[in-house]
Amino acid sequence: MWWLFFILFILISIVTSILLFFSLRRINQYEEFILQIQQVITFATNKMKQVDSRGHYEADDETGFFFEQLKQIQLSLDDIFEQETTNAKKENK
């Protein structure tokens, strides 16, 4: 009787381990995708600031809206993930 429970336990353990592996792999893929989006938005923000070095476009109502929305997206993405450089500095101290 206990052999049946042991075999059932092994089968359930194997199935849940496989499901956990594929779930973690998918989460890592999504995380990489979001990090790539964050890098693109950061690059776009920096380029827009270079183009608008005097602040004329950002102060305008129509283009200023785009500048503000881009900043909000960047701040939202920055809040999602912890910065690795700050964590490394904290661990070294």
N, C-alpha and C. Protein backbone atom coordinates (compact mmCIF):
# COMPACT_ATOMS: atom_id res chain seq x y z
N MET A 1 0.82 -1.20 0.00
CA MET A 1 0.00 0.00 0.00
C MET A 1 0.85 1.26 0.00
N TRP A 2 1.93 1.26 0.79
CA TRP A 2 2.76 2.45 0.86
C TRP A 2 3.52 2.66 -0.43
N TRP A 3 3.73 1.58 -1.23
CA TRP A 3 4.38 1.73 -2.53
C TRP A 3 3.52 2.57 -3.47
N LEU A 4 2.24 2.39 -3.37
CA LEU A 4 1.32 3.16 -4.21
C LEU A 4 1.42 4.65 -3.87
N PHE A 5 1.46 4.99 -2.59
CA PHE A 5 1.61 6.38 -2.18
C PHE A 5 2.97 6.95 -2.59
N PHE A 6 3.99 6.13 -2.47
CA PHE A 6 5.32 6.58 -2.85
C PHE A 6 5.40 6.87 -4.35
N ILE A 7 4.88 6.01 -5.17
CA ILE A 7 4.87 6.21 -6.62
C ILE A 7 4.02 7.42 -6.99
N LEU A 8 2.88 7.56 -6.34
CA LEU A 8 2.02 8.72 -6.59
C LEU A 8 2.72 10.02 -6.20
N PHE A 9 3.41 10.01 -5.08
CA PHE A 9 4.16 11.18 -4.64
C PHE A 9 5.27 11.54 -5.64
N ILE A 10 5.98 10.55 -6.13
CA ILE A 10 7.06 10.77 -7.11
C ILE A 10 6.48 11.36 -8.40
N LEU A 11 5.39 10.82 -8.88
CA LEU A 11 4.77 11.33 -10.10
C LEU A 11 4.28 12.77 -9.94
N ILE A 12 3.65 13.05 -8.82
CA ILE A 12 3.18 14.42 -8.57
C ILE A 12 4.37 15.37 -8.46
N SER A 13 5.44 14.94 -7.83
CA SER A 13 6.64 15.78 -7.69
C SER A 13 7.26 16.09 -9.04
N ILE A 14 7.34 15.10 -9.89
CA ILE A 14 7.93 15.29 -11.22
C ILE A 14 7.07 16.24 -12.05
N VAL A 15 5.78 16.06 -12.03
CA VAL A 15 4.89 16.92 -12.82
C VAL A 15 4.94 18.36 -12.32
N THR A 16 4.89 18.56 -11.02
CA THR A 16 4.94 19.93 -10.51
C THR A 16 6.30 20.58 -10.75
N SER A 17 7.37 19.80 -10.72
CA SER A 17 8.70 20.35 -11.01
C SER A 17 8.80 20.81 -12.46
N ILE A 18 8.26 20.01 -13.36
CA ILE A 18 8.27 20.39 -14.77
C ILE A 18 7.43 21.63 -15.01
N LEU A 19 6.26 21.69 -14.41
CA LEU A 19 5.40 22.87 -14.55
C LEU A 19 6.06 24.12 -13.98
N LEU A 20 6.72 23.97 -12.85
CA LEU A 20 7.41 25.10 -12.24
C LEU A 20 8.56 25.58 -13.13
N PHE A 21 9.29 24.67 -13.73
CA PHE A 21 10.39 25.02 -14.62
C PHE A 21 9.89 25.85 -15.80
N PHE A 22 8.82 25.38 -16.45
CA PHE A 22 8.30 26.11 -17.61
C PHE A 22 7.69 27.44 -17.21
N SER A 23 7.09 27.50 -16.04
CA SER A 23 6.53 28.78 -15.58
C SER A 23 7.63 29.80 -15.31
N LEU A 24 8.69 29.39 -14.67
CA LEU A 24 9.80 30.30 -14.40
C LEU A 24 10.49 30.75 -15.68
N ARG A 25 10.58 29.87 -16.64
CA ARG A 25 11.17 30.23 -17.93
C ARG A 25 10.34 31.29 -18.63
N ARG A 26 9.04 31.14 -18.59
CA ARG A 26 8.15 32.13 -19.21
C ARG A 26 8.23 33.48 -18.48
N ILE A 27 8.29 33.45 -17.16
CA ILE A 27 8.40 34.70 -16.40
C ILE A 27 9.70 35.42 -16.76
N ASN A 28 10.79 34.68 -16.91
CA ASN A 28 12.06 35.30 -17.30
C ASN A 28 11.98 35.90 -18.70
N GLN A 29 11.26 35.27 -19.61
CA GLN A 29 11.09 35.83 -20.95
C GLN A 29 10.33 37.15 -20.89
N TYR A 30 9.28 37.20 -20.10
CA TYR A 30 8.52 38.45 -19.96
C TYR A 30 9.35 39.54 -19.30
N GLU A 31 10.15 39.16 -18.33
CA GLU A 31 10.99 40.15 -17.66
C GLU A 31 12.01 40.74 -18.63
N GLU A 32 12.62 39.90 -19.45
CA GLU A 32 13.57 40.39 -20.45
C GLU A 32 12.89 41.32 -21.45
N PHE A 33 11.67 40.98 -21.83
CA PHE A 33 10.92 41.81 -22.77
C PHE A 33 10.63 43.19 -22.17
N ILE A 34 10.21 43.22 -20.92
CA ILE A 34 9.92 44.49 -20.26
C ILE A 34 11.20 45.31 -20.09
N LEU A 35 12.32 44.65 -19.78
CA LEU A 35 13.58 45.37 -19.67
C LEU A 35 14.02 45.96 -21.00
N GLN A 36 13.76 45.27 -22.10
CA GLN A 36 14.08 45.81 -23.42
C GLN A 36 13.22 47.03 -23.72
N ILE A 37 11.95 46.98 -23.37
CA ILE A 37 11.07 48.14 -23.56
C ILE A 37 11.58 49.31 -22.73
N GLN A 38 12.00 49.04 -21.51
CA GLN A 38 12.52 50.10 -20.64
C GLN A 38 13.77 50.73 -21.25
N GLN A 39 14.64 49.93 -21.84
CA GLN A 39 15.84 50.47 -22.46
C GLN A 39 15.50 51.34 -23.67
N VAL A 40 14.51 50.93 -24.46
CA VAL A 40 14.10 51.71 -25.61
C VAL A 40 13.52 53.05 -25.17
N ILE A 41 12.70 53.04 -24.14
CA ILE A 41 12.10 54.28 -23.66
C ILE A 41 13.16 55.20 -23.07
N THR A 42 14.12 54.64 -22.35
CA THR A 42 15.21 55.46 -21.81
C THR A 42 16.02 56.09 -22.93
N PHE A 43 16.31 55.31 -23.96
CA PHE A 43 17.05 55.83 -25.11
C PHE A 43 16.25 56.93 -25.80
N ALA A 44 14.95 56.72 -25.98
CA ALA A 44 14.11 57.72 -26.64
C ALA A 44 14.03 59.00 -25.81
N THR A 45 13.94 58.86 -24.51
CA THR A 45 13.89 60.05 -23.64
C THR A 45 15.19 60.83 -23.73
N ASN A 46 16.31 60.14 -23.69
CA ASN A 46 17.59 60.84 -23.79
C ASN A 46 17.76 61.54 -25.13
N LYS A 47 17.36 60.90 -26.22
CA LYS A 47 17.46 61.53 -27.54
C LYS A 47 16.53 62.73 -27.64
N MET A 48 15.33 62.62 -27.08
CA MET A 48 14.40 63.75 -27.13
C MET A 48 14.92 64.92 -26.31
N LYS A 49 15.58 64.65 -25.21
CA LYS A 49 16.15 65.72 -24.41
C LYS A 49 17.31 66.39 -25.15
N GLN A 50 18.07 65.61 -25.93
CA GLN A 50 19.14 66.20 -26.72
C GLN A 50 18.58 67.10 -27.82
N VAL A 51 17.51 66.67 -28.45
CA VAL A 51 16.89 67.47 -29.50
C VAL A 51 16.29 68.74 -28.91
N ASP A 52 15.68 68.61 -27.76
CA ASP A 52 15.01 69.74 -27.12
C ASP A 52 15.88 70.27 -25.98
N SER A 53 17.10 70.64 -26.27
CA SER A 53 18.02 71.09 -25.23
C SER A 53 17.59 72.41 -24.60
N ARG A 54 16.86 73.24 -25.33
CA ARG A 54 16.42 74.53 -24.79
C ARG A 54 15.04 74.46 -24.15
N GLY A 55 14.32 73.38 -24.33
CA GLY A 55 13.03 73.22 -23.68
C GLY A 55 11.85 73.81 -24.43
N HIS A 56 12.03 74.19 -25.70
CA HIS A 56 10.93 74.79 -26.46
C HIS A 56 9.82 73.79 -26.75
N TYR A 57 10.22 72.58 -27.16
CA TYR A 57 9.20 71.58 -27.49
C TYR A 57 8.49 71.06 -26.25
N GLU A 58 9.23 70.89 -25.19
CA GLU A 58 8.64 70.36 -23.96
C GLU A 58 7.66 71.36 -23.35
N ALA A 59 7.90 72.64 -23.52
CA ALA A 59 7.00 73.66 -22.98
C ALA A 59 5.74 73.82 -23.82
N ASP A 60 5.78 73.39 -25.07
CA ASP A 60 4.62 73.48 -25.95
C ASP A 60 3.53 72.52 -25.48
N ASP A 61 2.27 72.90 -25.65
CA ASP A 61 1.16 72.08 -25.16
C ASP A 61 1.06 70.73 -25.87
N GLU A 62 1.14 70.73 -27.19
CA GLU A 62 0.95 69.48 -27.93
C GLU A 62 2.13 68.53 -27.79
N THR A 63 3.33 69.03 -27.96
CA THR A 63 4.49 68.14 -27.84
C THR A 63 4.87 67.91 -26.38
N GLY A 64 4.53 68.84 -25.51
CA GLY A 64 4.80 68.67 -24.09
C GLY A 64 4.05 67.49 -23.50
N PHE A 65 2.87 67.22 -24.04
CA PHE A 65 2.09 66.06 -23.60
C PHE A 65 2.86 64.77 -23.85
N PHE A 66 3.48 64.67 -25.02
CA PHE A 66 4.26 63.47 -25.35
C PHE A 66 5.47 63.34 -24.43
N PHE A 67 6.16 64.44 -24.16
CA PHE A 67 7.29 64.42 -23.25
C PHE A 67 6.85 63.93 -21.87
N GLU A 68 5.74 64.45 -21.39
CA GLU A 68 5.26 64.09 -20.05
C GLU A 68 4.84 62.62 -19.99
N GLN A 69 4.17 62.13 -21.01
CA GLN A 69 3.76 60.72 -21.02
C GLN A 69 4.96 59.79 -21.08
N LEU A 70 5.97 60.18 -21.84
CA LEU A 70 7.18 59.37 -21.93
C LEU A 70 7.89 59.31 -20.57
N LYS A 71 7.91 60.42 -19.86
CA LYS A 71 8.49 60.43 -18.52
C LYS A 71 7.70 59.54 -17.56
N GLN A 72 6.37 59.58 -17.66
CA GLN A 72 5.54 58.74 -16.79
C GLN A 72 5.77 57.26 -17.05
N ILE A 73 5.88 56.88 -18.32
CA ILE A 73 6.13 55.48 -18.67
C ILE A 73 7.48 55.05 -18.12
N GLN A 74 8.48 55.90 -18.28
CA GLN A 74 9.81 55.57 -17.79
C GLN A 74 9.82 55.41 -16.28
N LEU A 75 9.14 56.29 -15.56
CA LEU A 75 9.08 56.17 -14.10
C LEU A 75 8.34 54.90 -13.67
N SER A 76 7.29 54.56 -14.39
CA SER A 76 6.55 53.33 -14.06
C SER A 76 7.41 52.10 -14.26
N LEU A 77 8.16 52.07 -15.36
CA LEU A 77 9.03 50.93 -15.61
C LEU A 77 10.20 50.89 -14.63
N ASP A 78 10.68 52.03 -14.21
CA ASP A 78 11.76 52.06 -13.23
C ASP A 78 11.29 51.51 -11.89
N ASP A 79 10.03 51.71 -11.55
CA ASP A 79 9.50 51.22 -10.29
C ASP A 79 9.25 49.72 -10.28
N ILE A 80 9.11 49.13 -11.46
CA ILE A 80 8.82 47.69 -11.53
C ILE A 80 10.01 46.87 -11.05
N PHE A 81 11.19 47.21 -11.51
CA PHE A 81 12.37 46.41 -11.20
C PHE A 81 13.32 47.19 -10.32
N GLU A 82 14.02 46.47 -9.46
CA GLU A 82 15.05 47.09 -8.64
C GLU A 82 16.28 47.29 -9.51
N GLN A 83 17.01 48.34 -9.22
CA GLN A 83 18.23 48.60 -9.96
C GLN A 83 19.33 47.67 -9.44
N GLU A 84 20.03 46.98 -10.34
CA GLU A 84 21.05 46.02 -9.94
C GLU A 84 22.28 46.71 -9.38
N THR A 85 22.61 47.90 -9.87
CA THR A 85 23.81 48.58 -9.41
C THR A 85 23.66 49.01 -7.96
N THR A 86 22.47 49.46 -7.57
CA THR A 86 22.28 49.87 -6.18
C THR A 86 22.31 48.67 -5.25
N ASN A 87 21.79 47.53 -5.70
CA ASN A 87 21.82 46.33 -4.87
C ASN A 87 23.24 45.83 -4.69
N ALA A 88 24.06 45.91 -5.73
CA ALA A 88 25.43 45.46 -5.63
C ALA A 88 26.22 46.35 -4.67
N LYS A 89 25.96 47.64 -4.68
CA LYS A 89 26.65 48.54 -3.77
C LYS A 89 26.23 48.28 -2.33
N LYS A 90 24.97 47.99 -2.11
CA LYS A 90 24.49 47.71 -0.75
C LYS A 90 25.09 46.42 -0.21
N GLU A 91 25.24 45.41 -1.07
CA GLU A 91 25.79 44.14 -0.62
C GLU A 91 27.27 44.27 -0.30
N ASN A 92 27.99 45.13 -1.02
CA ASN A 92 29.42 45.31 -0.78
C ASN A 92 29.68 46.01 0.55
N LYS A 93 28.76 46.84 1.00
CA LYS A 93 28.94 47.58 2.26
C LYS A 93 28.74 46.64 3.39
